Amino acid sequence: MKRVVILLAMLAAMAGCKKKEAEQPEKPVDMSHVASVEERMADKEYVKELDAQRDQQKKLVRLMGQATNDADRAAVAEALEKNRQETMRLIRERMRK
């Protein structure tokens, strides 16, 4: 009878261990590999996206020069900042691929 109780306790303990292992979160993505500049620039779609961002930035800089009041300058400055953040997002995403 003691052996049956011990075996049941061992099985319960082993089942609990397996359950804990299954509940562990997934391992984070390995960030040791980051795409080099050459790898990124070889991606034609990525280059097109960066060119579009640069073109938009040039237009916004032109608008900044034409702004006549503080409200216009603030709006263009905000748009420039959004453009910068979007460009950085594109770069970060591509570096991780």
PDB file of N, CA and C in Angstrom:
ATOM      1  N   MET A   1       0.820  -1.187   0.000  1.00  0.00           N
ATOM      2  CA  MET A   1       0.000   0.000   0.000  1.00  0.00           C
ATOM      3  C   MET A   1       0.865   1.253   0.000  1.00  0.00           C
ATOM      4  N   LYS A   2       1.953   1.208   0.776  1.00  0.00           N
ATOM      5  CA  LYS A   2       2.853   2.357   0.818  1.00  0.00           C
ATOM      6  C   LYS A   2       3.448   2.613  -0.555  1.00  0.00           C
ATOM      7  N   ARG A   3       3.782   1.546  -1.259  1.00  0.00           N
ATOM      8  CA  ARG A   3       4.391   1.692  -2.576  1.00  0.00           C
ATOM      9  C   ARG A   3       3.425   2.375  -3.550  1.00  0.00           C
ATOM     10  N   VAL A   4       2.146   2.037  -3.477  1.00  0.00           N
ATOM     11  CA  VAL A   4       1.137   2.635  -4.350  1.00  0.00           C
ATOM     12  C   VAL A   4       1.020   4.126  -4.062  1.00  0.00           C
ATOM     13  N   VAL A   5       1.008   4.495  -2.798  1.00  0.00           N
ATOM     14  CA  VAL A   5       0.911   5.907  -2.409  1.00  0.00           C
ATOM     15  C   VAL A   5       2.151   6.667  -2.881  1.00  0.00           C
ATOM     16  N   ILE A   6       3.317   6.061  -2.713  1.00  0.00           N
ATOM     17  CA  ILE A   6       4.554   6.705  -3.138  1.00  0.00           C
ATOM     18  C   ILE A   6       4.567   6.875  -4.660  1.00  0.00           C
ATOM     19  N   LEU A   7       4.139   5.834  -5.377  1.00  0.00           N
ATOM     20  CA  LEU A   7       4.085   5.926  -6.831  1.00  0.00           C
ATOM     21  C   LEU A   7       3.108   7.006  -7.288  1.00  0.00           C
ATOM     22  N   LEU A   8       1.957   7.075  -6.637  1.00  0.00           N
ATOM     23  CA  LEU A   8       0.978   8.111  -6.988  1.00  0.00           C
ATOM     24  C   LEU A   8       1.534   9.511  -6.715  1.00  0.00           C
ATOM     25  N   ALA A   9       2.238   9.662  -5.605  1.00  0.00           N
ATOM     26  CA  ALA A   9       2.840  10.952  -5.270  1.00  0.00           C
ATOM     27  C   ALA A   9       3.904  11.335  -6.300  1.00  0.00           C
ATOM     28  N   MET A  10       4.702  10.354  -6.714  1.00  0.00           N
ATOM     29  CA  MET A  10       5.734  10.617  -7.714  1.00  0.00           C
ATOM     30  C   MET A  10       5.114  10.990  -9.057  1.00  0.00           C
ATOM     31  N   LEU A  11       4.056  10.291  -9.443  1.00  0.00           N
ATOM     32  CA  LEU A  11       3.381  10.611 -10.702  1.00  0.00           C
ATOM     33  C   LEU A  11       2.751  12.001 -10.666  1.00  0.00           C
ATOM     34  N   ALA A  12       2.170  12.338  -9.535  1.00  0.00           N
ATOM     35  CA  ALA A  12       1.566  13.665  -9.386  1.00  0.00           C
ATOM     36  C   ALA A  12       2.639  14.746  -9.469  1.00  0.00           C
ATOM     37  N   ALA A  13       3.784  14.500  -8.833  1.00  0.00           N
ATOM     38  CA  ALA A  13       4.882  15.467  -8.869  1.00  0.00           C
ATOM     39  C   ALA A  13       5.411  15.624 -10.288  1.00  0.00           C
ATOM     40  N   MET A  14       5.551  14.502 -10.990  1.00  0.00           N
ATOM     41  CA  MET A  14       6.042  14.562 -12.366  1.00  0.00           C
ATOM     42  C   MET A  14       5.050  15.276 -13.277  1.00  0.00           C
ATOM     43  N   ALA A  15       3.772  15.049 -13.078  1.00  0.00           N
ATOM     44  CA  ALA A  15       2.745  15.718 -13.879  1.00  0.00           C
ATOM     45  C   ALA A  15       2.765  17.219 -13.609  1.00  0.00           C
ATOM     46  N   GLY A  16       2.979  17.583 -12.357  1.00  0.00           N
ATOM     47  CA  GLY A  16       3.077  19.006 -12.014  1.00  0.00           C
ATOM     48  C   GLY A  16       4.273  19.665 -12.660  1.00  0.00           C
ATOM     49  N   CYS A  17       5.388  18.973 -12.742  1.00  0.00           N
ATOM     50  CA  CYS A  17       6.590  19.505 -13.381  1.00  0.00           C
ATOM     51  C   CYS A  17       6.367  19.711 -14.868  1.00  0.00           C
ATOM     52  N   LYS A  18       5.730  18.762 -15.514  1.00  0.00           N
ATOM     53  CA  LYS A  18       5.473  18.879 -16.939  1.00  0.00           C
ATOM     54  C   LYS A  18       4.544  20.049 -17.219  1.00  0.00           C
ATOM     55  N   LYS A  19       3.579  20.245 -16.354  1.00  0.00           N
ATOM     56  CA  LYS A  19       2.637  21.349 -16.535  1.00  0.00           C
ATOM     57  C   LYS A  19       3.372  22.678 -16.410  1.00  0.00           C
ATOM     58  N   LYS A  20       4.273  22.796 -15.444  1.00  0.00           N
ATOM     59  CA  LYS A  20       5.032  24.031 -15.275  1.00  0.00           C
ATOM     60  C   LYS A  20       5.906  24.309 -16.480  1.00  0.00           C
ATOM     61  N   GLU A  21       6.507  23.262 -17.044  1.00  0.00           N
ATOM     62  CA  GLU A  21       7.342  23.450 -18.222  1.00  0.00           C
ATOM     63  C   GLU A  21       6.518  23.949 -19.405  1.00  0.00           C
ATOM     64  N   ALA A  22       5.315  23.444 -19.542  1.00  0.00           N
ATOM     65  CA  ALA A  22       4.459  23.843 -20.657  1.00  0.00           C
ATOM     66  C   ALA A  22       3.971  25.275 -20.495  1.00  0.00           C
ATOM     67  N   GLU A  23       3.863  25.763 -19.284  1.00  0.00           N
ATOM     68  CA  GLU A  23       3.357  27.102 -19.036  1.00  0.00           C
ATOM     69  C   GLU A  23       4.418  28.183 -19.186  1.00  0.00           C
ATOM     70  N   GLN A  24       5.678  27.801 -19.318  1.00  0.00           N
ATOM     71  CA  GLN A  24       6.733  28.795 -19.425  1.00  0.00           C
ATOM     72  C   GLN A  24       6.550  29.589 -20.713  1.00  0.00           C
ATOM     73  N   PRO A  25       6.790  30.888 -20.654  1.00  0.00           N
ATOM     74  CA  PRO A  25       6.619  31.711 -21.856  1.00  0.00           C
ATOM     75  C   PRO A  25       7.669  31.348 -22.906  1.00  0.00           C
ATOM     76  N   GLU A  26       7.364  31.700 -24.149  1.00  0.00           N
ATOM     77  CA  GLU A  26       8.295  31.432 -25.233  1.00  0.00           C
ATOM     78  C   GLU A  26       9.558  32.250 -25.056  1.00  0.00           C
ATOM     79  N   LYS A  27      10.641  31.731 -25.559  1.00  0.00           N
ATOM     80  CA  LYS A  27      11.917  32.439 -25.460  1.00  0.00           C
ATOM     81  C   LYS A  27      11.860  33.668 -26.349  1.00  0.00           C
ATOM     82  N   PRO A  28      12.497  34.758 -25.930  1.00  0.00           N
ATOM     83  CA  PRO A  28      12.504  35.966 -26.766  1.00  0.00           C
ATOM     84  C   PRO A  28      13.258  35.719 -28.071  1.00  0.00           C
ATOM     85  N   VAL A  29      12.963  36.526 -29.058  1.00  0.00           N
ATOM     86  CA  VAL A  29      13.590  36.396 -30.367  1.00  0.00           C
ATOM     87  C   VAL A  29      15.086  36.687 -30.238  1.00  0.00           C
ATOM     88  N   ASP A  30      15.878  35.873 -30.898  1.00  0.00           N
ATOM     89  CA  ASP A  30      17.326  36.050 -30.867  1.00  0.00           C
ATOM     90  C   ASP A  30      17.690  37.314 -31.641  1.00  0.00           C
ATOM     91  N   MET A  31      18.221  38.297 -30.957  1.00  0.00           N
ATOM     92  CA  MET A  31      18.588  39.565 -31.574  1.00  0.00           C
ATOM     93  C   MET A  31      20.081  39.630 -31.875  1.00  0.00           C
ATOM     94  N   SER A  32      20.777  38.479 -31.824  1.00  0.00           N
ATOM     95  CA  SER A  32      22.213  38.506 -32.069  1.00  0.00           C
ATOM     96  C   SER A  32      22.528  38.809 -33.526  1.00  0.00           C
ATOM     97  N   HIS A  33      21.605  38.467 -34.436  1.00  0.00           N
ATOM     98  CA  HIS A  33      21.834  38.780 -35.845  1.00  0.00           C
ATOM     99  C   HIS A  33      21.077  40.045 -36.210  1.00  0.00           C
ATOM    100  N   VAL A  34      21.817  41.029 -36.638  1.00  0.00           N
ATOM    101  CA  VAL A  34      21.226  42.277 -37.097  1.00  0.00           C
ATOM    102  C   VAL A  34      21.696  42.469 -38.534  1.00  0.00           C
ATOM    103  N   ALA A  35      20.769  42.804 -39.410  1.00  0.00           N
ATOM    104  CA  ALA A  35      21.097  42.958 -40.821  1.00  0.00           C
ATOM    105  C   ALA A  35      22.097  44.089 -41.018  1.00  0.00           C
ATOM    106  N   SER A  36      23.094  43.829 -41.825  1.00  0.00           N
ATOM    107  CA  SER A  36      24.095  44.849 -42.120  1.00  0.00           C
ATOM    108  C   SER A  36      23.506  45.867 -43.092  1.00  0.00           C
ATOM    109  N   VAL A  37      24.214  46.952 -43.276  1.00  0.00           N
ATOM    110  CA  VAL A  37      23.763  47.989 -44.204  1.00  0.00           C
ATOM    111  C   VAL A  37      23.680  47.417 -45.616  1.00  0.00           C
ATOM    112  N   GLU A  38      24.653  46.596 -45.982  1.00  0.00           N
ATOM    113  CA  GLU A  38      24.647  46.000 -47.323  1.00  0.00           C
ATOM    114  C   GLU A  38      23.425  45.107 -47.520  1.00  0.00           C
ATOM    115  N   GLU A  39      23.097  44.320 -46.497  1.00  0.00           N
ATOM    116  CA  GLU A  39      21.920  43.450 -46.587  1.00  0.00           C
ATOM    117  C   GLU A  39      20.640  44.267 -46.706  1.00  0.00           C
ATOM    118  N   ARG A  40      20.576  45.335 -45.940  1.00  0.00           N
ATOM    119  CA  ARG A  40      19.363  46.157 -45.975  1.00  0.00           C
ATOM    120  C   ARG A  40      19.222  46.875 -47.304  1.00  0.00           C
ATOM    121  N   MET A  41      20.315  47.412 -47.825  1.00  0.00           N
ATOM    122  CA  MET A  41      20.240  48.174 -49.064  1.00  0.00           C
ATOM    123  C   MET A  41      20.017  47.268 -50.283  1.00  0.00           C
ATOM    124  N   ALA A  42      20.257  45.988 -50.142  1.00  0.00           N
ATOM    125  CA  ALA A  42      19.977  45.045 -51.222  1.00  0.00           C
ATOM    126  C   ALA A  42      18.482  44.779 -51.368  1.00  0.00           C
ATOM    127  N   ASP A  43      17.711  45.092 -50.332  1.00  0.00           N
ATOM    128  CA  ASP A  43      16.263  44.902 -50.351  1.00  0.00           C
ATOM    129  C   ASP A  43      15.622  46.090 -51.074  1.00  0.00           C
ATOM    130  N   LYS A  44      15.166  45.880 -52.299  1.00  0.00           N
ATOM    131  CA  LYS A  44      14.645  46.968 -53.148  1.00  0.00           C
ATOM    132  C   LYS A  44      13.405  47.632 -52.550  1.00  0.00           C
ATOM    133  N   GLU A  45      12.525  46.843 -51.942  1.00  0.00           N
ATOM    134  CA  GLU A  45      11.311  47.410 -51.348  1.00  0.00           C
ATOM    135  C   GLU A  45      11.667  48.343 -50.191  1.00  0.00           C
ATOM    136  N   TYR A  46      12.620  47.916 -49.387  1.00  0.00           N
ATOM    137  CA  TYR A  46      13.078  48.729 -48.251  1.00  0.00           C
ATOM    138  C   TYR A  46      13.659  50.047 -48.745  1.00  0.00           C
ATOM    139  N   VAL A  47      14.457  49.993 -49.810  1.00  0.00           N
ATOM    140  CA  VAL A  47      15.073  51.202 -50.362  1.00  0.00           C
ATOM    141  C   VAL A  47      13.993  52.144 -50.886  1.00  0.00           C
ATOM    142  N   LYS A  48      12.963  51.590 -51.537  1.00  0.00           N
ATOM    143  CA  LYS A  48      11.865  52.428 -52.036  1.00  0.00           C
ATOM    144  C   LYS A  48      11.140  53.131 -50.884  1.00  0.00           C
ATOM    145  N   GLU A  49      10.911  52.398 -49.795  1.00  0.00           N
ATOM    146  CA  GLU A  49      10.241  53.000 -48.636  1.00  0.00           C
ATOM    147  C   GLU A  49      11.081  54.133 -48.048  1.00  0.00           C
ATOM    148  N   LEU A  50      12.383  53.913 -47.943  1.00  0.00           N
ATOM    149  CA  LEU A  50      13.263  54.967 -47.421  1.00  0.00           C
ATOM    150  C   LEU A  50      13.303  56.172 -48.355  1.00  0.00           C
ATOM    151  N   ASP A  51      13.315  55.932 -49.662  1.00  0.00           N
ATOM    152  CA  ASP A  51      13.290  57.036 -50.621  1.00  0.00           C
ATOM    153  C   ASP A  51      12.007  57.852 -50.485  1.00  0.00           C
ATOM    154  N   ALA A  52      10.886  57.165 -50.298  1.00  0.00           N
ATOM    155  CA  ALA A  52       9.610  57.867 -50.129  1.00  0.00           C
ATOM    156  C   ALA A  52       9.638  58.717 -48.852  1.00  0.00           C
ATOM    157  N   GLN A  53      10.204  58.175 -47.786  1.00  0.00           N
ATOM    158  CA  GLN A  53      10.303  58.930 -46.537  1.00  0.00           C
ATOM    159  C   GLN A  53      11.191  60.161 -46.731  1.00  0.00           C
ATOM    160  N   ARG A  54      12.298  59.998 -47.447  1.00  0.00           N
ATOM    161  CA  ARG A  54      13.206  61.120 -47.691  1.00  0.00           C
ATOM    162  C   ARG A  54      12.534  62.189 -48.547  1.00  0.00           C
ATOM    163  N   ASP A  55      11.787  61.774 -49.572  1.00  0.00           N
ATOM    164  CA  ASP A  55      11.065  62.732 -50.417  1.00  0.00           C
ATOM    165  C   ASP A  55      10.047  63.517 -49.602  1.00  0.00           C
ATOM    166  N   GLN A  56       9.338  62.806 -48.726  1.00  0.00           N
ATOM    167  CA  GLN A  56       8.358  63.480 -47.876  1.00  0.00           C
ATOM    168  C   GLN A  56       9.057  64.466 -46.940  1.00  0.00           C
ATOM    169  N   GLN A  57      10.201  64.084 -46.429  1.00  0.00           N
ATOM    170  CA  GLN A  57      10.943  64.980 -45.536  1.00  0.00           C
ATOM    171  C   GLN A  57      11.377  66.245 -46.285  1.00  0.00           C
ATOM    172  N   LYS A  58      11.834  66.104 -47.530  1.00  0.00           N
ATOM    173  CA  LYS A  58      12.242  67.267 -48.325  1.00  0.00           C
ATOM    174  C   LYS A  58      11.075  68.223 -48.537  1.00  0.00           C
ATOM    175  N   LYS A  59       9.892  67.664 -48.818  1.00  0.00           N
ATOM    176  CA  LYS A  59       8.701  68.503 -49.003  1.00  0.00           C
ATOM    177  C   LYS A  59       8.359  69.249 -47.721  1.00  0.00           C
ATOM    178  N   LEU A  60       8.462  68.543 -46.597  1.00  0.00           N
ATOM    179  CA  LEU A  60       8.150  69.186 -45.320  1.00  0.00           C
ATOM    180  C   LEU A  60       9.148  70.285 -44.984  1.00  0.00           C
ATOM    181  N   VAL A  61      10.408  70.076 -45.305  1.00  0.00           N
ATOM    182  CA  VAL A  61      11.420  71.107 -45.051  1.00  0.00           C
ATOM    183  C   VAL A  61      11.135  72.336 -45.906  1.00  0.00           C
ATOM    184  N   ARG A  62      10.711  72.110 -47.158  1.00  0.00           N
ATOM    185  CA  ARG A  62      10.329  73.226 -48.025  1.00  0.00           C
ATOM    186  C   ARG A  62       9.143  73.987 -47.426  1.00  0.00           C
ATOM    187  N   LEU A  63       8.161  73.236 -46.912  1.00  0.00           N
ATOM    188  CA  LEU A  63       7.006  73.880 -46.276  1.00  0.00           C
ATOM    189  C   LEU A  63       7.420  74.664 -45.042  1.00  0.00           C
ATOM    190  N   MET A  64       8.398  74.155 -44.309  1.00  0.00           N
ATOM    191  CA  MET A  64       8.871  74.857 -43.110  1.00  0.00           C
ATOM    192  C   MET A  64       9.435  76.221 -43.509  1.00  0.00           C
ATOM    193  N   GLY A  65      10.132  76.271 -44.624  1.00  0.00           N
ATOM    194  CA  GLY A  65      10.682  77.548 -45.102  1.00  0.00           C
ATOM    195  C   GLY A  65       9.599  78.513 -45.547  1.00  0.00           C
ATOM    196  N   GLN A  66       8.472  77.998 -45.995  1.00  0.00           N
ATOM    197  CA  GLN A  66       7.375  78.837 -46.469  1.00  0.00           C
ATOM    198  C   GLN A  66       6.401  79.222 -45.353  1.00  0.00           C
ATOM    199  N   ALA A  67       6.522  78.591 -44.198  1.00  0.00           N
ATOM    200  CA  ALA A  67       5.595  78.876 -43.091  1.00  0.00           C
ATOM    201  C   ALA A  67       5.765  80.322 -42.649  1.00  0.00           C
ATOM    202  N   THR A  68       4.617  80.974 -42.444  1.00  0.00           N
ATOM    203  CA  THR A  68       4.665  82.404 -42.102  1.00  0.00           C
ATOM    204  C   THR A  68       4.346  82.679 -40.638  1.00  0.00           C
ATOM    205  N   ASN A  69       3.712  81.752 -39.955  1.00  0.00           N
ATOM    206  CA  ASN A  69       3.399  82.007 -38.545  1.00  0.00           C
ATOM    207  C   ASN A  69       3.795  80.804 -37.689  1.00  0.00           C
ATOM    208  N   ASP A  70       3.705  80.995 -36.383  1.00  0.00           N
ATOM    209  CA  ASP A  70       4.135  79.952 -35.445  1.00  0.00           C
ATOM    210  C   ASP A  70       3.274  78.688 -35.534  1.00  0.00           C
ATOM    211  N   ALA A  71       1.990  78.842 -35.786  1.00  0.00           N
ATOM    212  CA  ALA A  71       1.099  77.680 -35.862  1.00  0.00           C
ATOM    213  C   ALA A  71       1.494  76.784 -37.044  1.00  0.00           C
ATOM    214  N   ASP A  72       1.794  77.407 -38.194  1.00  0.00           N
ATOM    215  CA  ASP A  72       2.217  76.639 -39.364  1.00  0.00           C
ATOM    216  C   ASP A  72       3.547  75.937 -39.094  1.00  0.00           C
ATOM    217  N   ARG A  73       4.478  76.662 -38.487  1.00  0.00           N
ATOM    218  CA  ARG A  73       5.786  76.077 -38.176  1.00  0.00           C
ATOM    219  C   ARG A  73       5.636  74.896 -37.221  1.00  0.00           C
ATOM    220  N   ALA A  74       4.759  75.030 -36.231  1.00  0.00           N
ATOM    221  CA  ALA A  74       4.552  73.953 -35.267  1.00  0.00           C
ATOM    222  C   ALA A  74       3.946  72.726 -35.950  1.00  0.00           C
ATOM    223  N   ALA A  75       3.004  72.948 -36.850  1.00  0.00           N
ATOM    224  CA  ALA A  75       2.375  71.836 -37.560  1.00  0.00           C
ATOM    225  C   ALA A  75       3.395  71.110 -38.444  1.00  0.00           C
ATOM    226  N   VAL A  76       4.235  71.873 -39.128  1.00  0.00           N
ATOM    227  CA  VAL A  76       5.248  71.254 -39.985  1.00  0.00           C
ATOM    228  C   VAL A  76       6.290  70.539 -39.132  1.00  0.00           C
ATOM    229  N   ALA A  77       6.661  71.124 -38.011  1.00  0.00           N
ATOM    230  CA  ALA A  77       7.629  70.491 -37.116  1.00  0.00           C
ATOM    231  C   ALA A  77       7.083  69.159 -36.597  1.00  0.00           C
ATOM    232  N   GLU A  78       5.804  69.133 -36.276  1.00  0.00           N
ATOM    233  CA  GLU A  78       5.174  67.890 -35.811  1.00  0.00           C
ATOM    234  C   GLU A  78       5.178  66.834 -36.926  1.00  0.00           C
ATOM    235  N   ALA A  79       4.872  67.264 -38.147  1.00  0.00           N
ATOM    236  CA  ALA A  79       4.884  66.333 -39.279  1.00  0.00           C
ATOM    237  C   ALA A  79       6.300  65.811 -39.550  1.00  0.00           C
ATOM    238  N   LEU A  80       7.300  66.676 -39.394  1.00  0.00           N
ATOM    239  CA  LEU A  80       8.685  66.251 -39.562  1.00  0.00           C
ATOM    240  C   LEU A  80       9.073  65.215 -38.515  1.00  0.00           C
ATOM    241  N   GLU A  81       8.633  65.423 -37.292  1.00  0.00           N
ATOM    242  CA  GLU A  81       8.934  64.466 -36.224  1.00  0.00           C
ATOM    243  C   GLU A  81       8.263  63.119 -36.495  1.00  0.00           C
ATOM    244  N   LYS A  82       7.024  63.132 -36.968  1.00  0.00           N
ATOM    245  CA  LYS A  82       6.342  61.881 -37.311  1.00  0.00           C
ATOM    246  C   LYS A  82       7.079  61.165 -38.439  1.00  0.00           C
ATOM    247  N   ASN A  83       7.550  61.931 -39.415  1.00  0.00           N
ATOM    248  CA  ASN A  83       8.317  61.365 -40.517  1.00  0.00           C
ATOM    249  C   ASN A  83       9.597  60.720 -40.001  1.00  0.00           C
ATOM    250  N   ARG A  84      10.275  61.371 -39.088  1.00  0.00           N
ATOM    251  CA  ARG A  84      11.514  60.839 -38.519  1.00  0.00           C
ATOM    252  C   ARG A  84      11.234  59.538 -37.767  1.00  0.00           C
ATOM    253  N   GLN A  85      10.167  59.534 -36.966  1.00  0.00           N
ATOM    254  CA  GLN A  85       9.830  58.337 -36.198  1.00  0.00           C
ATOM    255  C   GLN A  85       9.468  57.165 -37.110  1.00  0.00           C
ATOM    256  N   GLU A  86       8.739  57.443 -38.180  1.00  0.00           N
ATOM    257  CA  GLU A  86       8.364  56.393 -39.131  1.00  0.00           C
ATOM    258  C   GLU A  86       9.608  55.844 -39.834  1.00  0.00           C
ATOM    259  N   THR A  87      10.527  56.727 -40.193  1.00  0.00           N
ATOM    260  CA  THR A  87      11.769  56.283 -40.822  1.00  0.00           C
ATOM    261  C   THR A  87      12.563  55.396 -39.878  1.00  0.00           C
ATOM    262  N   MET A  88      12.654  55.778 -38.625  1.00  0.00           N
ATOM    263  CA  MET A  88      13.379  54.972 -37.642  1.00  0.00           C
ATOM    264  C   MET A  88      12.694  53.624 -37.427  1.00  0.00           C
ATOM    265  N   ARG A  89      11.367  53.602 -37.449  1.00  0.00           N
ATOM    266  CA  ARG A  89      10.629  52.345 -37.308  1.00  0.00           C
ATOM    267  C   ARG A  89      10.950  51.408 -38.471  1.00  0.00           C
ATOM    268  N   LEU A  90      10.968  51.956 -39.689  1.00  0.00           N
ATOM    269  CA  LEU A  90      11.295  51.149 -40.861  1.00  0.00           C
ATOM    270  C   LEU A  90      12.701  50.563 -40.750  1.00  0.00           C
ATOM    271  N   ILE A  91      13.636  51.375 -40.309  1.00  0.00           N
ATOM    272  CA  ILE A  91      15.017  50.924 -40.178  1.00  0.00           C
ATOM    273  C   ILE A  91      15.124  49.823 -39.130  1.00  0.00           C
ATOM    274  N   ARG A  92      14.490  50.037 -37.967  1.00  0.00           N
ATOM    275  CA  ARG A  92      14.548  49.026 -36.898  1.00  0.00           C
ATOM    276  C   ARG A  92      13.932  47.708 -37.342  1.00  0.00           C
ATOM    277  N   GLU A  93      12.770  47.789 -38.018  1.00  0.00           N
ATOM    278  CA  GLU A  93      12.107  46.571 -38.485  1.00  0.00           C
ATOM    279  C   GLU A  93      12.991  45.801 -39.450  1.00  0.00           C
ATOM    280  N   ARG A  94      13.606  46.512 -40.361  1.00  0.00           N
ATOM    281  CA  ARG A  94      14.431  45.846 -41.370  1.00  0.00           C
ATOM    282  C   ARG A  94      15.707  45.278 -40.763  1.00  0.00           C
ATOM    283  N   MET A  95      16.229  45.916 -39.759  1.00  0.00           N
ATOM    284  CA  MET A  95      17.440  45.419 -39.106  1.00  0.00           C
ATOM    285  C   MET A  95      17.183  44.070 -38.443  1.00  0.00           C
ATOM    286  N   ARG A  96      15.973  43.839 -37.974  1.00  0.00           N
ATOM    287  CA  ARG A  96      15.629  42.603 -37.281  1.00  0.00           C
ATOM    288  C   ARG A  96      15.376  41.440 -38.210  1.00  0.00           C
ATOM    289  N   LYS A  97      15.155  41.716 -39.488  1.00  0.00           N
ATOM    290  CA  LYS A  97      14.857  40.630 -40.437  1.00  0.00           C
ATOM    291  C   LYS A  97      16.091  39.825 -40.734  1.00  0.00           C
TER     292      LYS A  97
END
